[in-house]
Amino acid sequence: MKSPKLIIPITQIPASGLDRKGELPAEWIAESLLPPYDPLQPLTFEVTLTRINDNIHVQGKMATSLAFRCGRTLEQGVMPIAVTFSELFQPAERHR
């Protein structure tokens, strides 16, 4: 599956907001994980982008599953992860 476009110009976000969903490959996640963890599936996401003047409010959810080896028992394990988030982004010239 082709990775979704993650850079969206502010002029392409309508006043009513913009919904995006998709998945990012497991290799993309693996780059940011510590050695005991390995992604088992792609990272799925759903986000809504809303313009607030020249700011962008991004809210959504992400989910995946990770494999790991327990440091105490050395048994293999699986950990599903689901995260909801809400962030407000401001133009760089206004950020302090």
N, C-alpha and C. Protein backbone atom coordinates (compact mmCIF):
# COMPACT_ATOMS: atom_id res chain seq x y z
N MET A 1 0.84 -1.18 0.00
CA MET A 1 0.00 0.00 0.00
C MET A 1 0.88 1.24 0.00
N LYS A 2 0.51 2.22 -0.78
CA LYS A 2 1.25 3.48 -0.86
C LYS A 2 1.03 4.29 0.42
N SER A 3 2.12 4.84 0.98
CA SER A 3 2.00 5.66 2.19
C SER A 3 1.21 6.92 1.90
N PRO A 4 0.36 7.35 2.85
CA PRO A 4 -0.45 8.55 2.64
C PRO A 4 0.38 9.82 2.63
N LYS A 5 -0.13 10.85 1.98
CA LYS A 5 0.54 12.15 1.96
C LYS A 5 0.37 12.79 3.34
N LEU A 6 1.49 13.07 4.01
CA LEU A 6 1.44 13.60 5.37
C LEU A 6 1.68 15.10 5.44
N ILE A 7 2.12 15.72 4.35
CA ILE A 7 2.32 17.16 4.33
C ILE A 7 1.19 17.76 3.52
N ILE A 8 0.38 18.58 4.19
CA ILE A 8 -0.79 19.18 3.54
C ILE A 8 -0.70 20.69 3.72
N PRO A 9 -0.64 21.45 2.63
CA PRO A 9 -0.60 22.91 2.77
C PRO A 9 -1.87 23.43 3.45
N ILE A 10 -1.71 24.45 4.28
CA ILE A 10 -2.84 25.02 5.03
C ILE A 10 -3.95 25.48 4.09
N THR A 11 -3.59 25.91 2.89
CA THR A 11 -4.59 26.39 1.94
C THR A 11 -5.48 25.26 1.41
N GLN A 12 -5.06 24.01 1.60
CA GLN A 12 -5.86 22.87 1.16
C GLN A 12 -6.77 22.31 2.25
N ILE A 13 -6.80 22.96 3.41
CA ILE A 13 -7.67 22.52 4.50
C ILE A 13 -8.89 23.42 4.50
N PRO A 14 -10.07 22.88 4.13
CA PRO A 14 -11.27 23.71 4.08
C PRO A 14 -11.74 24.12 5.47
N ALA A 15 -12.60 25.11 5.53
CA ALA A 15 -13.13 25.60 6.81
C ALA A 15 -13.84 24.49 7.59
N SER A 16 -14.45 23.55 6.87
CA SER A 16 -15.16 22.45 7.53
C SER A 16 -14.22 21.38 8.06
N GLY A 17 -12.91 21.46 7.75
CA GLY A 17 -11.94 20.49 8.22
C GLY A 17 -11.61 19.47 7.14
N LEU A 18 -10.61 18.66 7.41
CA LEU A 18 -10.14 17.66 6.46
C LEU A 18 -9.86 16.37 7.22
N ASP A 19 -10.48 15.28 6.79
CA ASP A 19 -10.26 13.98 7.41
C ASP A 19 -9.29 13.18 6.57
N ARG A 20 -8.37 12.51 7.24
CA ARG A 20 -7.42 11.61 6.57
C ARG A 20 -7.35 10.32 7.38
N LYS A 21 -7.23 9.22 6.68
CA LYS A 21 -6.95 7.96 7.35
C LYS A 21 -6.09 7.11 6.44
N GLY A 22 -5.37 6.20 7.05
CA GLY A 22 -4.49 5.35 6.27
C GLY A 22 -3.62 4.52 7.18
N GLU A 23 -2.54 4.04 6.60
CA GLU A 23 -1.59 3.29 7.41
C GLU A 23 -0.18 3.57 6.92
N LEU A 24 0.73 3.47 7.87
CA LEU A 24 2.15 3.66 7.59
C LEU A 24 2.83 2.31 7.78
N PRO A 25 3.81 1.97 6.95
CA PRO A 25 4.41 0.64 7.01
C PRO A 25 5.11 0.36 8.34
N ALA A 26 5.17 -0.91 8.68
CA ALA A 26 5.81 -1.34 9.93
C ALA A 26 7.26 -0.86 9.98
N GLU A 27 7.94 -0.81 8.84
CA GLU A 27 9.34 -0.35 8.80
C GLU A 27 9.45 1.11 9.27
N TRP A 28 8.42 1.91 8.99
CA TRP A 28 8.41 3.31 9.40
C TRP A 28 8.38 3.41 10.93
N ILE A 29 7.61 2.54 11.57
CA ILE A 29 7.52 2.53 13.04
C ILE A 29 8.82 2.00 13.64
N ALA A 30 9.39 0.96 13.04
CA ALA A 30 10.56 0.28 13.58
C ALA A 30 11.73 1.23 13.82
N GLU A 31 11.84 2.28 12.99
CA GLU A 31 12.94 3.23 13.13
C GLU A 31 12.93 3.95 14.47
N SER A 32 11.76 4.08 15.11
CA SER A 32 11.69 4.82 16.36
C SER A 32 11.52 3.95 17.60
N LEU A 33 11.59 2.63 17.46
CA LEU A 33 11.39 1.74 18.61
C LEU A 33 12.72 1.33 19.23
N LEU A 34 12.70 1.07 20.52
CA LEU A 34 13.87 0.54 21.21
C LEU A 34 14.05 -0.94 20.83
N PRO A 35 15.27 -1.48 20.96
CA PRO A 35 15.56 -2.83 20.50
C PRO A 35 14.62 -3.96 20.95
N PRO A 36 14.05 -3.98 22.16
CA PRO A 36 13.23 -5.15 22.48
C PRO A 36 11.90 -5.21 21.72
N TYR A 37 11.53 -4.14 21.01
CA TYR A 37 10.21 -4.09 20.37
C TYR A 37 10.31 -4.16 18.85
N ASP A 38 9.37 -4.89 18.27
CA ASP A 38 9.26 -4.99 16.81
C ASP A 38 7.79 -4.83 16.43
N PRO A 39 7.50 -4.02 15.42
CA PRO A 39 6.11 -3.86 14.98
C PRO A 39 5.62 -5.13 14.28
N LEU A 40 4.38 -5.51 14.56
CA LEU A 40 3.79 -6.69 13.95
C LEU A 40 2.90 -6.34 12.77
N GLN A 41 2.50 -5.10 12.69
CA GLN A 41 1.59 -4.68 11.63
C GLN A 41 1.81 -3.20 11.36
N PRO A 42 1.27 -2.69 10.27
CA PRO A 42 1.39 -1.25 9.99
C PRO A 42 0.69 -0.41 11.08
N LEU A 43 1.08 0.85 11.14
CA LEU A 43 0.45 1.81 12.04
C LEU A 43 -0.78 2.39 11.32
N THR A 44 -1.96 2.15 11.85
CA THR A 44 -3.16 2.73 11.26
C THR A 44 -3.46 4.05 11.96
N PHE A 45 -4.01 4.99 11.20
CA PHE A 45 -4.33 6.29 11.80
C PHE A 45 -5.57 6.89 11.16
N GLU A 46 -6.25 7.71 11.95
CA GLU A 46 -7.36 8.54 11.50
C GLU A 46 -7.15 9.91 12.13
N VAL A 47 -7.12 10.97 11.32
CA VAL A 47 -6.91 12.32 11.84
C VAL A 47 -7.91 13.29 11.21
N THR A 48 -8.22 14.33 11.96
CA THR A 48 -9.02 15.44 11.46
C THR A 48 -8.20 16.70 11.63
N LEU A 49 -8.03 17.45 10.53
CA LEU A 49 -7.30 18.71 10.54
C LEU A 49 -8.31 19.84 10.45
N THR A 50 -8.21 20.80 11.35
CA THR A 50 -9.13 21.94 11.36
C THR A 50 -8.33 23.23 11.41
N ARG A 51 -8.68 24.17 10.53
CA ARG A 51 -8.02 25.48 10.53
C ARG A 51 -8.67 26.36 11.59
N ILE A 52 -7.83 27.02 12.37
CA ILE A 52 -8.29 28.03 13.33
C ILE A 52 -7.42 29.25 13.06
N ASN A 53 -7.93 30.16 12.21
CA ASN A 53 -7.15 31.28 11.69
C ASN A 53 -5.93 30.72 10.97
N ASP A 54 -4.71 31.06 11.43
CA ASP A 54 -3.52 30.50 10.78
C ASP A 54 -2.91 29.35 11.58
N ASN A 55 -3.68 28.79 12.50
CA ASN A 55 -3.26 27.62 13.28
C ASN A 55 -3.96 26.38 12.73
N ILE A 56 -3.42 25.21 13.04
CA ILE A 56 -4.03 23.96 12.64
C ILE A 56 -4.22 23.08 13.87
N HIS A 57 -5.45 22.64 14.09
CA HIS A 57 -5.75 21.70 15.17
C HIS A 57 -5.82 20.31 14.54
N VAL A 58 -5.02 19.39 15.10
CA VAL A 58 -4.98 18.02 14.60
C VAL A 58 -5.41 17.10 15.74
N GLN A 59 -6.45 16.31 15.48
CA GLN A 59 -6.83 15.32 16.48
C GLN A 59 -7.11 14.01 15.78
N GLY A 60 -6.85 12.93 16.51
CA GLY A 60 -7.07 11.64 15.88
C GLY A 60 -6.65 10.50 16.78
N LYS A 61 -6.45 9.35 16.12
CA LYS A 61 -6.03 8.16 16.84
C LYS A 61 -5.12 7.33 15.96
N MET A 62 -4.22 6.58 16.62
CA MET A 62 -3.28 5.69 15.96
C MET A 62 -3.31 4.36 16.69
N ALA A 63 -3.03 3.28 15.95
CA ALA A 63 -3.01 1.96 16.59
C ALA A 63 -2.06 1.03 15.84
N THR A 64 -1.46 0.12 16.59
CA THR A 64 -0.61 -0.94 16.04
C THR A 64 -0.42 -2.00 17.11
N SER A 65 0.33 -3.02 16.81
CA SER A 65 0.71 -4.05 17.78
C SER A 65 2.21 -4.26 17.71
N LEU A 66 2.81 -4.47 18.87
CA LEU A 66 4.25 -4.67 18.96
C LEU A 66 4.56 -6.03 19.55
N ALA A 67 5.60 -6.68 19.06
CA ALA A 67 6.13 -7.91 19.65
C ALA A 67 7.30 -7.50 20.54
N PHE A 68 7.50 -8.25 21.62
CA PHE A 68 8.62 -7.98 22.51
C PHE A 68 9.01 -9.26 23.24
N ARG A 69 10.18 -9.24 23.81
CA ARG A 69 10.62 -10.35 24.66
C ARG A 69 10.72 -9.79 26.07
N CYS A 70 10.03 -10.42 27.00
CA CYS A 70 10.00 -9.98 28.40
C CYS A 70 11.42 -10.05 28.98
N GLY A 71 11.85 -8.97 29.62
CA GLY A 71 13.17 -8.91 30.20
C GLY A 71 13.34 -9.80 31.42
N ARG A 72 12.24 -10.16 32.07
CA ARG A 72 12.30 -11.00 33.27
C ARG A 72 12.17 -12.48 32.94
N THR A 73 11.17 -12.83 32.10
CA THR A 73 10.90 -14.25 31.80
C THR A 73 11.48 -14.70 30.47
N LEU A 74 11.86 -13.75 29.61
CA LEU A 74 12.36 -14.00 28.26
C LEU A 74 11.31 -14.62 27.34
N GLU A 75 10.05 -14.58 27.75
CA GLU A 75 8.98 -15.07 26.89
C GLU A 75 8.57 -14.00 25.90
N GLN A 76 8.12 -14.46 24.72
CA GLN A 76 7.63 -13.55 23.71
C GLN A 76 6.27 -13.00 24.14
N GLY A 77 6.00 -11.77 23.81
CA GLY A 77 4.72 -11.15 24.13
C GLY A 77 4.27 -10.25 23.00
N VAL A 78 3.00 -9.90 23.05
CA VAL A 78 2.41 -8.99 22.07
C VAL A 78 1.70 -7.89 22.85
N MET A 79 1.90 -6.65 22.42
CA MET A 79 1.31 -5.52 23.10
C MET A 79 0.57 -4.65 22.08
N PRO A 80 -0.78 -4.66 22.12
CA PRO A 80 -1.50 -3.73 21.24
C PRO A 80 -1.41 -2.32 21.83
N ILE A 81 -1.26 -1.34 20.96
CA ILE A 81 -1.16 0.06 21.39
C ILE A 81 -2.17 0.88 20.60
N ALA A 82 -2.96 1.66 21.32
CA ALA A 82 -3.89 2.60 20.68
C ALA A 82 -3.75 3.94 21.40
N VAL A 83 -3.53 4.99 20.63
CA VAL A 83 -3.28 6.32 21.20
C VAL A 83 -4.23 7.32 20.54
N THR A 84 -4.88 8.14 21.37
CA THR A 84 -5.64 9.27 20.84
C THR A 84 -4.83 10.53 21.16
N PHE A 85 -4.93 11.52 20.29
CA PHE A 85 -4.14 12.73 20.49
C PHE A 85 -4.89 13.95 19.98
N SER A 86 -4.47 15.10 20.47
CA SER A 86 -5.01 16.39 20.05
C SER A 86 -3.88 17.41 20.18
N GLU A 87 -3.49 18.03 19.07
CA GLU A 87 -2.38 18.98 19.05
C GLU A 87 -2.77 20.23 18.28
N LEU A 88 -2.28 21.38 18.73
CA LEU A 88 -2.49 22.64 18.04
C LEU A 88 -1.13 23.10 17.50
N PHE A 89 -1.06 23.32 16.19
CA PHE A 89 0.18 23.76 15.55
C PHE A 89 0.05 25.22 15.14
N GLN A 90 1.11 25.99 15.44
CA GLN A 90 1.16 27.40 15.10
C GLN A 90 2.25 27.63 14.06
N PRO A 91 2.13 28.70 13.27
CA PRO A 91 3.21 29.02 12.32
C PRO A 91 4.53 29.24 13.07
N ALA A 92 5.63 28.87 12.45
CA ALA A 92 6.94 28.95 13.08
C ALA A 92 7.28 30.35 13.58
N GLU A 93 6.87 31.37 12.83
CA GLU A 93 7.21 32.74 13.24
C GLU A 93 6.48 33.17 14.52
N ARG A 94 5.41 32.49 14.90
CA ARG A 94 4.68 32.83 16.12
C ARG A 94 5.08 31.95 17.30
N HIS A 95 5.79 30.87 17.03
CA HIS A 95 6.17 29.92 18.08
C HIS A 95 7.36 30.46 18.86
N ARG A 96 7.28 30.38 20.18
CA ARG A 96 8.39 30.83 21.05
C ARG A 96 8.90 29.69 21.87
